Amino acid sequence: MKITPEFLDDWCEPLETGYQPLLDFELEIFREVPHNDIGILTQRIKRSFFDYVRQGIMLDAVRRYRLYKRDYRDFADYCKNALGREHSYCKRIIQASQICLELIKSKFRILPTSVSQALPLLKFTKVDAGGNRELETKWQTVLDGFPSQLITAAKIQELLDENPEDRVKQIRITGKAYQLLQKKAAAAGMAVSKYLEMLIGGIEPPDDEPPDDKEEAQLTVEKEEICDWAEAFANQTKPVAGFGINKLSKCHQKAISNRSDTLSDSS
């Protein structure tokens, strides 16, 4: 098979420039194997743990000084169309990076290594009227509670949670089980979480199902006669002192039903 120049040109066409540096980096690292300097690699790996801080610094500069204004309507528009990310996502990166930078300035050597580790500390960054804040104290609590290699976002959240009973927990169930749970909760007119709380508490779900029409239709002859008599009596009764009997109350209907059951049993 003869390969034409056109085919060669197509085959050699460069990849998307945004991703090519990653392929170049891979080639650079593996080209030196097994002669890589482990010390340099270790330092580069440790620095990469804090890439979110660099991202946050750059995002903060774009937002704070409105560097986006020439090409985009606002920061949210910039995040969506230039970065392909939601505004809320970029905002969380900025917040996490600022938390890490504050801890660096406070001379901590062990720091949150991800956005999810930093964000539980956000509520402790507020400065009170006396100029104090709890950020450093809370982070030290984390460091005292876990070895650095065992620190995770979940452990930080759990340790610093001031209302653990109200915190949302996650459980894993199959998709089929969740669909069934949704169906049951919808039938009870409840949210899935509330329905689960009710079941765990041993409370019976409300029965909203309508009565079976077949059971209602199965009346004995005596029951039919009693119902006819009650209806005729209600229609013939005259209003007294401004009160009228237009329809039997549920308790009267139940009493008539119980009476008819008693007659049926005695017969």
C-alpha atoms as a PDB file:
ATOM      1  CA  MET A   1       0.000   0.000   0.000  1.00  0.00           C
ATOM      2  CA  LYS A   2       1.419   3.338  -1.008  1.00  0.00           C
ATOM      3  CA  ILE A   3       1.208   6.130   1.552  1.00  0.00           C
ATOM      4  CA  THR A   4       0.480   9.453  -0.045  1.00  0.00           C
ATOM      5  CA  PRO A   5       1.954  12.742   1.173  1.00  0.00           C
ATOM      6  CA  GLU A   6      -1.566  13.934   2.036  1.00  0.00           C
ATOM      7  CA  PHE A   7      -1.990  11.027   4.454  1.00  0.00           C
ATOM      8  CA  LEU A   8       1.327  11.801   6.074  1.00  0.00           C
ATOM      9  CA  ASP A   9       0.335  15.430   6.554  1.00  0.00           C
ATOM     10  CA  ASP A  10      -2.918  14.421   8.256  1.00  0.00           C
ATOM     11  CA  TRP A  11      -1.194  11.880  10.463  1.00  0.00           C
ATOM     12  CA  CYS A  12       1.445  14.352  11.614  1.00  0.00           C
ATOM     13  CA  GLU A  13      -1.010  17.136  12.358  1.00  0.00           C
ATOM     14  CA  PRO A  14      -0.363  18.385  15.904  1.00  0.00           C
ATOM     15  CA  LEU A  15      -2.767  17.682  18.738  1.00  0.00           C
ATOM     16  CA  GLU A  16      -4.750  20.339  20.578  1.00  0.00           C
ATOM     17  CA  THR A  17      -2.132  22.769  21.876  1.00  0.00           C
ATOM     18  CA  GLY A  18      -3.740  22.866  25.317  1.00  0.00           C
ATOM     19  CA  TYR A  19      -2.975  19.187  25.927  1.00  0.00           C
ATOM     20  CA  GLN A  20       0.293  18.794  24.053  1.00  0.00           C
ATOM     21  CA  PRO A  21       2.399  19.990  27.019  1.00  0.00           C
ATOM     22  CA  LEU A  22       1.139  17.002  29.034  1.00  0.00           C
ATOM     23  CA  LEU A  23       2.353  14.610  26.368  1.00  0.00           C
ATOM     24  CA  ASP A  24       5.664  16.475  26.189  1.00  0.00           C
ATOM     25  CA  PHE A  25       5.984  16.214  29.961  1.00  0.00           C
ATOM     26  CA  GLU A  26       5.372  12.468  29.859  1.00  0.00           C
ATOM     27  CA  LEU A  27       8.034  12.089  27.188  1.00  0.00           C
ATOM     28  CA  GLU A  28      10.480  14.191  29.203  1.00  0.00           C
ATOM     29  CA  ILE A  29      10.047  12.128  32.374  1.00  0.00           C
ATOM     30  CA  PHE A  30      10.251   8.674  30.792  1.00  0.00           C
ATOM     31  CA  ARG A  31      13.072   9.570  28.444  1.00  0.00           C
ATOM     32  CA  GLU A  32      15.370   9.905  31.481  1.00  0.00           C
ATOM     33  CA  VAL A  33      14.351   6.573  33.082  1.00  0.00           C
ATOM     34  CA  PRO A  34      16.168   4.974  34.910  1.00  0.00           C
ATOM     35  CA  HIS A  35      18.519   7.891  35.416  1.00  0.00           C
ATOM     36  CA  ASN A  36      15.973  10.309  36.883  1.00  0.00           C
ATOM     37  CA  ASP A  37      17.049  12.257  39.952  1.00  0.00           C
ATOM     38  CA  ILE A  38      14.681  10.961  42.633  1.00  0.00           C
ATOM     39  CA  GLY A  39      15.243  14.037  44.786  1.00  0.00           C
ATOM     40  CA  ILE A  40      14.173  16.408  42.013  1.00  0.00           C
ATOM     41  CA  LEU A  41      11.164  14.236  41.141  1.00  0.00           C
ATOM     42  CA  THR A  42      10.082  14.155  44.786  1.00  0.00           C
ATOM     43  CA  GLN A  43      10.238  17.925  45.074  1.00  0.00           C
ATOM     44  CA  ARG A  44       8.271  18.373  41.854  1.00  0.00           C
ATOM     45  CA  ILE A  45       5.615  15.904  43.032  1.00  0.00           C
ATOM     46  CA  LYS A  46       5.265  17.669  46.401  1.00  0.00           C
ATOM     47  CA  ARG A  47       4.949  21.042  44.688  1.00  0.00           C
ATOM     48  CA  SER A  48       2.248  19.690  42.402  1.00  0.00           C
ATOM     49  CA  PHE A  49       0.097  18.936  45.462  1.00  0.00           C
ATOM     50  CA  PHE A  50      -0.400  22.702  45.734  1.00  0.00           C
ATOM     51  CA  ASP A  51      -1.290  23.422  42.126  1.00  0.00           C
ATOM     52  CA  TYR A  52      -4.737  24.438  43.364  1.00  0.00           C
ATOM     53  CA  VAL A  53      -3.086  27.345  45.207  1.00  0.00           C
ATOM     54  CA  ARG A  54      -1.474  28.580  42.004  1.00  0.00           C
ATOM     55  CA  GLN A  55      -4.803  28.236  40.202  1.00  0.00           C
ATOM     56  CA  GLY A  56      -6.548  30.188  42.943  1.00  0.00           C
ATOM     57  CA  ILE A  57      -3.978  32.997  42.839  1.00  0.00           C
ATOM     58  CA  MET A  58      -4.391  33.379  39.071  1.00  0.00           C
ATOM     59  CA  LEU A  59      -8.185  33.215  39.275  1.00  0.00           C
ATOM     60  CA  ASP A  60      -8.210  35.788  42.052  1.00  0.00           C
ATOM     61  CA  ALA A  61      -6.091  38.151  39.955  1.00  0.00           C
ATOM     62  CA  VAL A  62      -8.458  37.749  36.985  1.00  0.00           C
ATOM     63  CA  ARG A  63     -11.493  38.394  39.169  1.00  0.00           C
ATOM     64  CA  ARG A  64     -10.141  41.132  41.428  1.00  0.00           C
ATOM     65  CA  TYR A  65      -8.670  43.269  38.667  1.00  0.00           C
ATOM     66  CA  ARG A  66     -11.303  42.365  36.057  1.00  0.00           C
ATOM     67  CA  LEU A  67      -8.752  41.150  33.566  1.00  0.00           C
ATOM     68  CA  TYR A  68     -11.588  39.411  31.741  1.00  0.00           C
ATOM     69  CA  LYS A  69     -13.497  42.593  30.849  1.00  0.00           C
ATOM     70  CA  ARG A  70     -12.129  42.984  27.298  1.00  0.00           C
ATOM     71  CA  ASP A  71     -13.547  39.680  26.082  1.00  0.00           C
ATOM     72  CA  TYR A  72     -16.147  38.570  28.623  1.00  0.00           C
ATOM     73  CA  ARG A  73     -19.215  40.059  30.241  1.00  0.00           C
ATOM     74  CA  ASP A  74     -18.253  39.183  33.821  1.00  0.00           C
ATOM     75  CA  PHE A  75     -16.223  36.682  35.836  1.00  0.00           C
ATOM     76  CA  ALA A  76     -18.928  34.018  35.620  1.00  0.00           C
ATOM     77  CA  ASP A  77     -18.948  34.362  31.823  1.00  0.00           C
ATOM     78  CA  TYR A  78     -15.149  34.076  31.797  1.00  0.00           C
ATOM     79  CA  CYS A  79     -15.222  30.908  33.929  1.00  0.00           C
ATOM     80  CA  LYS A  80     -17.827  29.274  31.720  1.00  0.00           C
ATOM     81  CA  ASN A  81     -16.563  30.190  28.266  1.00  0.00           C
ATOM     82  CA  ALA A  82     -12.814  30.573  28.773  1.00  0.00           C
ATOM     83  CA  LEU A  83     -12.183  27.816  31.323  1.00  0.00           C
ATOM     84  CA  GLY A  84     -15.167  25.526  30.845  1.00  0.00           C
ATOM     85  CA  ARG A  85     -15.923  25.642  34.571  1.00  0.00           C
ATOM     86  CA  GLU A  86     -18.786  26.917  36.695  1.00  0.00           C
ATOM     87  CA  HIS A  87     -18.322  30.176  38.559  1.00  0.00           C
ATOM     88  CA  SER A  88     -18.956  28.445  41.896  1.00  0.00           C
ATOM     89  CA  TYR A  89     -16.199  25.903  41.170  1.00  0.00           C
ATOM     90  CA  CYS A  90     -13.632  28.639  40.475  1.00  0.00           C
ATOM     91  CA  LYS A  91     -14.752  30.552  43.553  1.00  0.00           C
ATOM     92  CA  ARG A  92     -14.071  27.506  45.734  1.00  0.00           C
ATOM     93  CA  ILE A  93     -10.552  27.244  44.312  1.00  0.00           C
ATOM     94  CA  ILE A  94      -9.916  30.897  45.172  1.00  0.00           C
ATOM     95  CA  GLN A  95     -11.202  30.403  48.717  1.00  0.00           C
ATOM     96  CA  ALA A  96      -9.126  27.257  49.238  1.00  0.00           C
ATOM     97  CA  SER A  97      -5.964  28.906  47.926  1.00  0.00           C
ATOM     98  CA  GLN A  98      -6.427  31.892  50.242  1.00  0.00           C
ATOM     99  CA  ILE A  99      -6.810  29.564  53.230  1.00  0.00           C
ATOM    100  CA  CYS A 100      -3.588  27.766  52.328  1.00  0.00           C
ATOM    101  CA  LEU A 101      -1.728  31.047  51.837  1.00  0.00           C
ATOM    102  CA  GLU A 102      -2.855  32.268  55.264  1.00  0.00           C
ATOM    103  CA  LEU A 103      -1.563  29.055  56.856  1.00  0.00           C
ATOM    104  CA  ILE A 104       1.759  29.495  55.057  1.00  0.00           C
ATOM    105  CA  LYS A 105       2.025  33.032  56.427  1.00  0.00           C
ATOM    106  CA  SER A 106       1.291  31.607  59.887  1.00  0.00           C
ATOM    107  CA  LYS A 107       4.413  29.406  59.536  1.00  0.00           C
ATOM    108  CA  PHE A 108       2.676  26.032  59.181  1.00  0.00           C
ATOM    109  CA  ARG A 109       4.809  23.458  57.391  1.00  0.00           C
ATOM    110  CA  ILE A 110       2.001  20.930  56.838  1.00  0.00           C
ATOM    111  CA  LEU A 111      -0.804  22.329  54.710  1.00  0.00           C
ATOM    112  CA  PRO A 112      -4.070  21.241  53.058  1.00  0.00           C
ATOM    113  CA  THR A 113      -3.119  19.477  49.833  1.00  0.00           C
ATOM    114  CA  SER A 114      -6.421  19.927  48.010  1.00  0.00           C
ATOM    115  CA  VAL A 115      -9.433  22.186  47.723  1.00  0.00           C
ATOM    116  CA  SER A 116     -11.583  19.679  49.599  1.00  0.00           C
ATOM    117  CA  GLN A 117      -9.142  19.667  52.535  1.00  0.00           C
ATOM    118  CA  ALA A 118      -8.990  23.450  52.743  1.00  0.00           C
ATOM    119  CA  LEU A 119     -12.675  24.341  52.442  1.00  0.00           C
ATOM    120  CA  PRO A 120     -13.792  22.936  55.847  1.00  0.00           C
ATOM    121  CA  LEU A 121     -11.603  25.665  57.348  1.00  0.00           C
ATOM    122  CA  LEU A 122     -13.391  28.465  55.502  1.00  0.00           C
ATOM    123  CA  LYS A 123     -15.828  29.329  58.306  1.00  0.00           C
ATOM    124  CA  PHE A 124     -12.895  29.807  60.693  1.00  0.00           C
ATOM    125  CA  THR A 125     -11.244  32.526  58.600  1.00  0.00           C
ATOM    126  CA  LYS A 126     -13.623  35.238  59.805  1.00  0.00           C
ATOM    127  CA  VAL A 127     -12.026  37.810  62.074  1.00  0.00           C
ATOM    128  CA  ASP A 128     -14.042  38.880  65.122  1.00  0.00           C
ATOM    129  CA  ALA A 129     -14.311  42.377  66.635  1.00  0.00           C
ATOM    130  CA  GLY A 130     -11.137  41.792  68.625  1.00  0.00           C
ATOM    131  CA  GLY A 131      -9.130  40.934  65.504  1.00  0.00           C
ATOM    132  CA  ASN A 132      -8.948  37.227  66.316  1.00  0.00           C
ATOM    133  CA  ARG A 133      -9.824  34.202  64.225  1.00  0.00           C
ATOM    134  CA  GLU A 134      -9.880  30.443  64.735  1.00  0.00           C
ATOM    135  CA  LEU A 135      -8.180  29.354  61.497  1.00  0.00           C
ATOM    136  CA  GLU A 136      -4.766  28.601  62.977  1.00  0.00           C
ATOM    137  CA  THR A 137      -6.213  26.979  66.098  1.00  0.00           C
ATOM    138  CA  LYS A 138      -8.507  24.698  64.122  1.00  0.00           C
ATOM    139  CA  TRP A 139      -5.791  23.638  61.696  1.00  0.00           C
ATOM    140  CA  GLN A 140      -3.500  22.846  64.618  1.00  0.00           C
ATOM    141  CA  THR A 141      -6.313  20.689  66.023  1.00  0.00           C
ATOM    142  CA  VAL A 142      -6.277  18.728  62.767  1.00  0.00           C
ATOM    143  CA  LEU A 143      -2.496  18.300  62.876  1.00  0.00           C
ATOM    144  CA  ASP A 144      -2.684  17.133  66.489  1.00  0.00           C
ATOM    145  CA  GLY A 145      -5.428  14.661  65.639  1.00  0.00           C
ATOM    146  CA  PHE A 146      -3.902  12.875  62.648  1.00  0.00           C
ATOM    147  CA  PRO A 147      -0.489  12.094  61.173  1.00  0.00           C
ATOM    148  CA  SER A 148       0.074  14.215  58.047  1.00  0.00           C
ATOM    149  CA  GLN A 149      -0.086  11.211  55.722  1.00  0.00           C
ATOM    150  CA  LEU A 150      -3.517  10.238  57.081  1.00  0.00           C
ATOM    151  CA  ILE A 151      -5.191  13.641  56.804  1.00  0.00           C
ATOM    152  CA  THR A 152      -8.200  13.554  54.476  1.00  0.00           C
ATOM    153  CA  ALA A 153     -11.013  15.970  53.710  1.00  0.00           C
ATOM    154  CA  ALA A 154     -13.524  13.656  55.416  1.00  0.00           C
ATOM    155  CA  LYS A 155     -11.463  13.482  58.613  1.00  0.00           C
ATOM    156  CA  ILE A 156     -11.031  17.260  58.716  1.00  0.00           C
ATOM    157  CA  GLN A 157     -14.757  17.774  58.225  1.00  0.00           C
ATOM    158  CA  GLU A 158     -15.648  15.273  60.924  1.00  0.00           C
ATOM    159  CA  LEU A 159     -13.127  16.625  63.437  1.00  0.00           C
ATOM    160  CA  LEU A 160     -14.104  20.273  63.001  1.00  0.00           C
ATOM    161  CA  ASP A 161     -17.845  19.746  62.646  1.00  0.00           C
ATOM    162  CA  GLU A 162     -19.597  21.660  65.421  1.00  0.00           C
ATOM    163  CA  ASN A 163     -22.959  19.969  64.755  1.00  0.00           C
ATOM    164  CA  PRO A 164     -22.082  16.399  63.737  1.00  0.00           C
ATOM    165  CA  GLU A 165     -25.632  15.124  64.201  1.00  0.00           C
ATOM    166  CA  ASP A 166     -26.871  17.487  61.477  1.00  0.00           C
ATOM    167  CA  ARG A 167     -24.103  16.779  58.990  1.00  0.00           C
ATOM    168  CA  VAL A 168     -25.102  14.923  55.863  1.00  0.00           C
ATOM    169  CA  LYS A 169     -23.718  11.393  55.701  1.00  0.00           C
ATOM    170  CA  GLN A 170     -23.275   9.305  52.585  1.00  0.00           C
ATOM    171  CA  ILE A 171     -24.305   5.702  52.170  1.00  0.00           C
ATOM    172  CA  ARG A 172     -23.940   3.462  49.143  1.00  0.00           C
ATOM    173  CA  ILE A 173     -26.952   1.607  47.765  1.00  0.00           C
ATOM    174  CA  THR A 174     -27.704   0.101  44.400  1.00  0.00           C
ATOM    175  CA  GLY A 175     -29.504   2.105  41.750  1.00  0.00           C
ATOM    176  CA  LYS A 176     -32.437  -0.312  41.882  1.00  0.00           C
ATOM    177  CA  ALA A 177     -32.772   0.101  45.651  1.00  0.00           C
ATOM    178  CA  TYR A 178     -32.645   3.890  45.353  1.00  0.00           C
ATOM    179  CA  GLN A 179     -35.348   3.901  42.677  1.00  0.00           C
ATOM    180  CA  LEU A 180     -37.571   1.821  44.951  1.00  0.00           C
ATOM    181  CA  LEU A 181     -36.847   4.197  47.826  1.00  0.00           C
ATOM    182  CA  GLN A 182     -37.760   7.195  45.663  1.00  0.00           C
ATOM    183  CA  LYS A 183     -41.017   5.529  44.644  1.00  0.00           C
ATOM    184  CA  LYS A 184     -41.971   4.762  48.249  1.00  0.00           C
ATOM    185  CA  ALA A 185     -41.072   8.283  49.402  1.00  0.00           C
ATOM    186  CA  ALA A 186     -43.071   9.864  46.574  1.00  0.00           C
ATOM    187  CA  ALA A 187     -46.092   7.714  47.421  1.00  0.00           C
ATOM    188  CA  ALA A 188     -45.868   8.957  51.007  1.00  0.00           C
ATOM    189  CA  GLY A 189     -45.475  12.560  49.818  1.00  0.00           C
ATOM    190  CA  MET A 190     -42.069  12.894  51.480  1.00  0.00           C
ATOM    191  CA  ALA A 191     -38.464  13.605  50.577  1.00  0.00           C
ATOM    192  CA  VAL A 192     -36.190  10.559  50.422  1.00  0.00           C
ATOM    193  CA  SER A 193     -34.122  11.696  53.429  1.00  0.00           C
ATOM    194  CA  LYS A 194     -37.199  12.276  55.607  1.00  0.00           C
ATOM    195  CA  TYR A 195     -38.678   8.952  54.533  1.00  0.00           C
ATOM    196  CA  LEU A 196     -35.462   7.196  55.583  1.00  0.00           C
ATOM    197  CA  GLU A 197     -35.457   8.962  58.958  1.00  0.00           C
ATOM    198  CA  MET A 198     -39.020   7.824  59.522  1.00  0.00           C
ATOM    199  CA  LEU A 199     -38.231   4.210  58.657  1.00  0.00           C
ATOM    200  CA  ILE A 200     -35.147   4.157  60.859  1.00  0.00           C
ATOM    201  CA  GLY A 201     -37.166   5.619  63.722  1.00  0.00           C
ATOM    202  CA  GLY A 202     -39.692   2.792  63.438  1.00  0.00           C
ATOM    203  CA  ILE A 203     -42.566   5.038  62.386  1.00  0.00           C
ATOM    204  CA  GLU A 204     -45.031   3.599  59.927  1.00  0.00           C
ATOM    205  CA  PRO A 205     -45.285   5.559  56.657  1.00  0.00           C
ATOM    206  CA  PRO A 206     -48.638   7.257  56.053  1.00  0.00           C
ATOM    207  CA  ASP A 207     -50.958   5.125  53.975  1.00  0.00           C
ATOM    208  CA  ASP A 208     -52.166   7.366  51.195  1.00  0.00           C
ATOM    209  CA  GLU A 209     -53.456   4.579  49.003  1.00  0.00           C
ATOM    210  CA  PRO A 210     -57.159   4.897  48.173  1.00  0.00           C
ATOM    211  CA  PRO A 211     -59.503   2.174  49.441  1.00  0.00           C
ATOM    212  CA  ASP A 212     -60.049  -0.824  47.255  1.00  0.00           C
ATOM    213  CA  ASP A 213     -63.175  -0.286  45.144  1.00  0.00           C
ATOM    214  CA  LYS A 214     -63.890  -4.013  45.145  1.00  0.00           C
ATOM    215  CA  GLU A 215     -64.074  -4.104  48.939  1.00  0.00           C
ATOM    216  CA  GLU A 216     -66.383  -1.110  48.997  1.00  0.00           C
ATOM    217  CA  ALA A 217     -68.668  -2.759  46.450  1.00  0.00           C
ATOM    218  CA  GLN A 218     -69.060  -5.951  48.488  1.00  0.00           C
ATOM    219  CA  LEU A 219     -72.042  -4.851  50.654  1.00  0.00           C
ATOM    220  CA  THR A 220     -74.496  -7.248  52.169  1.00  0.00           C
ATOM    221  CA  VAL A 221     -78.193  -6.826  51.541  1.00  0.00           C
ATOM    222  CA  GLU A 222     -78.711  -5.604  55.110  1.00  0.00           C
ATOM    223  CA  LYS A 223     -75.948  -2.993  54.717  1.00  0.00           C
ATOM    224  CA  GLU A 224     -77.573  -1.699  51.546  1.00  0.00           C
ATOM    225  CA  GLU A 225     -80.932  -1.425  53.307  1.00  0.00           C
ATOM    226  CA  ILE A 226     -79.380   0.463  56.230  1.00  0.00           C
ATOM    227  CA  CYS A 227     -77.580   2.861  53.897  1.00  0.00           C
ATOM    228  CA  ASP A 228     -80.801   3.489  51.962  1.00  0.00           C
ATOM    229  CA  TRP A 229     -82.680   4.132  55.196  1.00  0.00           C
ATOM    230  CA  ALA A 230     -79.995   6.534  56.467  1.00  0.00           C
ATOM    231  CA  GLU A 231     -79.968   8.463  53.196  1.00  0.00           C
ATOM    232  CA  ALA A 232     -83.793   8.748  53.174  1.00  0.00           C
ATOM    233  CA  PHE A 233     -83.809   9.872  56.793  1.00  0.00           C
ATOM    234  CA  ALA A 234     -81.195  12.564  56.088  1.00  0.00           C
ATOM    235  CA  ASN A 235     -83.182  13.921  53.155  1.00  0.00           C
ATOM    236  CA  GLN A 236     -86.469  14.054  55.078  1.00  0.00           C
ATOM    237  CA  THR A 237     -85.106  15.699  58.229  1.00  0.00           C
ATOM    238  CA  LYS A 238     -85.924  19.395  58.489  1.00  0.00           C
ATOM    239  CA  PRO A 239     -83.334  21.937  59.619  1.00  0.00           C
ATOM    240  CA  VAL A 240     -83.693  22.937  63.257  1.00  0.00           C
ATOM    241  CA  ALA A 241     -82.554  26.291  64.708  1.00  0.00           C
ATOM    242  CA  GLY A 242     -80.410  27.098  61.715  1.00  0.00           C
ATOM    243  CA  PHE A 243     -78.732  23.689  61.523  1.00  0.00           C
ATOM    244  CA  GLY A 244     -79.225  21.324  58.643  1.00  0.00           C
ATOM    245  CA  ILE A 245     -78.239  17.730  58.070  1.00  0.00           C
ATOM    246  CA  ASN A 246     -77.079  17.521  54.485  1.00  0.00           C
ATOM    247  CA  LYS A 247     -74.718  14.592  54.847  1.00  0.00           C
ATOM    248  CA  LEU A 248     -73.976  12.005  57.507  1.00  0.00           C
ATOM    249  CA  SER A 249     -70.710  12.523  59.319  1.00  0.00           C
ATOM    250  CA  LYS A 250     -67.982   9.897  59.133  1.00  0.00           C
ATOM    251  CA  CYS A 251     -68.630   8.808  62.713  1.00  0.00           C
ATOM    252  CA  HIS A 252     -72.318   8.198  61.912  1.00  0.00           C
ATOM    253  CA  GLN A 253     -71.370   6.267  58.794  1.00  0.00           C
ATOM    254  CA  LYS A 254     -68.961   4.180  60.852  1.00  0.00           C
ATOM    255  CA  ALA A 255     -71.603   3.529  63.493  1.00  0.00           C
ATOM    256  CA  ILE A 256     -74.066   2.355  60.836  1.00  0.00           C
ATOM    257  CA  SER A 257     -71.394   0.127  59.324  1.00  0.00           C
ATOM    258  CA  ASN A 258     -70.587  -1.404  62.721  1.00  0.00           C
ATOM    259  CA  ARG A 259     -74.289  -1.971  63.382  1.00  0.00           C
ATOM    260  CA  SER A 260     -74.713  -3.721  60.057  1.00  0.00           C
ATOM    261  CA  ASP A 261     -71.702  -5.925  60.820  1.00  0.00           C
ATOM    262  CA  THR A 262     -73.264  -6.912  64.108  1.00  0.00           C
ATOM    263  CA  LEU A 263     -76.557  -7.768  62.390  1.00  0.00           C
ATOM    264  CA  SER A 264     -74.730  -9.778  59.777  1.00  0.00           C
ATOM    265  CA  ASP A 265     -72.832 -11.763  62.425  1.00  0.00           C
ATOM    266  CA  SER A 266     -75.979 -12.484  64.450  1.00  0.00           C
ATOM    267  CA  SER A 267     -77.773 -13.740  61.379  1.00  0.00           C
END
